[in-house]
Protein backbone atom coordinates (compact mmCIF):
# COMPACT_ATOMS: atom_id res chain seq x y z
CA MET A 1 26.69 -23.43 24.91
CA LYS A 2 23.34 -23.70 26.24
CA ILE A 3 22.82 -27.20 25.17
CA PHE A 4 26.28 -28.18 26.66
CA ILE A 5 25.15 -26.95 29.98
CA TYR A 6 21.77 -28.90 29.81
CA VAL A 7 23.42 -31.89 28.92
CA LEU A 8 26.05 -31.43 32.06
CA PHE A 9 23.24 -30.97 34.14
CA THR A 10 21.50 -33.76 33.29
CA ILE A 11 24.42 -36.08 33.54
CA SER A 12 24.93 -34.72 37.09
CA LEU A 13 21.34 -35.32 37.99
CA ILE A 14 21.65 -38.96 36.70
CA PHE A 15 24.61 -39.48 38.47
CA ILE A 16 23.15 -38.31 41.69
CA ILE A 17 19.86 -40.26 41.39
CA SER A 18 21.66 -43.48 40.43
CA GLY A 19 23.80 -42.92 43.33
CA TYR A 20 20.85 -43.25 45.58
CA ILE A 21 18.94 -45.97 43.63
CA ILE A 22 21.87 -48.30 43.50
CA GLU A 23 22.85 -49.83 46.70
CA ASP A 24 26.49 -50.52 46.09
CA ILE A 25 29.75 -49.47 47.71
CA ASN A 26 30.52 -47.11 45.06
CA SER A 27 27.23 -45.45 45.18
CA GLU A 28 28.84 -42.70 47.28
CA LYS A 29 31.17 -41.80 44.66
CA PHE A 30 28.16 -41.42 41.92
CA ILE A 31 26.90 -38.78 44.35
CA GLY A 32 29.72 -37.10 45.10
CA GLY A 33 30.77 -36.98 41.54
CA GLY A 34 27.25 -35.73 40.39
CA THR A 35 27.65 -32.98 43.37
CA PHE A 36 31.06 -32.10 42.26
CA LEU A 37 29.73 -31.69 38.51
CA LEU A 38 26.94 -29.59 39.29
CA PHE A 39 28.26 -27.23 41.69
CA PHE A 40 31.79 -26.92 40.40
CA ILE A 41 31.39 -27.16 36.71
CA VAL A 42 27.85 -26.64 35.71
CA ILE A 43 26.92 -23.75 37.94
CA PRO A 44 29.95 -21.43 37.00
CA LEU A 45 29.39 -22.53 33.38
CA PHE A 46 25.82 -21.19 33.80
CA LEU A 47 26.49 -18.12 35.71
CA TYR A 48 29.20 -17.27 33.07
CA TYR A 49 26.81 -17.92 30.24
CA ARG A 50 24.06 -15.84 31.98
CA TRP A 51 26.18 -12.96 32.61
CA GLN A 52 28.58 -12.77 29.56
CA ASN A 53 27.23 -9.37 28.00
CA LYS A 54 26.06 -7.59 31.02
CA LYS A 55 27.44 -4.70 33.13
CA LEU A 56 27.86 -5.25 36.77
CA LYS A 57 27.40 -1.55 37.28
CA ASP A 58 23.44 -2.08 36.32
CA PHE A 59 22.74 -4.22 38.91
CA ILE A 60 24.42 -2.09 41.87
CA LEU A 61 22.60 -0.09 43.84
CA ASP A 62 23.99 3.23 44.47
CA ASN A 63 22.87 6.65 45.35
CA GLU A 64 21.61 7.99 42.22
CA LYS A 65 19.39 4.90 41.93
CA LEU A 66 18.24 5.33 45.44
CA LYS A 67 17.05 8.87 44.72
CA LYS A 68 15.27 7.65 41.47
CA MET A 69 13.71 5.28 43.96
CA LYS A 70 12.69 7.96 45.98
CA ASP A 71 11.22 9.96 43.68
CA ASN A 72 9.47 7.70 41.93
CA ASN A 73 7.44 6.75 45.18
């Protein structure tokens, strides 16, 4: 999964950079396609990969954690 995300990220960057380098009518489609690939496919896959086995409760700040923070200071 990690390699797949890197490959898609590289492809999207190649599309975006080639869209800026190539002076053609369709260059805007390369930029748009690379941006679409990056923001709607690569980033959600990356977030899913990174948060796969994590508990959301560990990252939420609640009263217990606030008390622990106050006690430590």
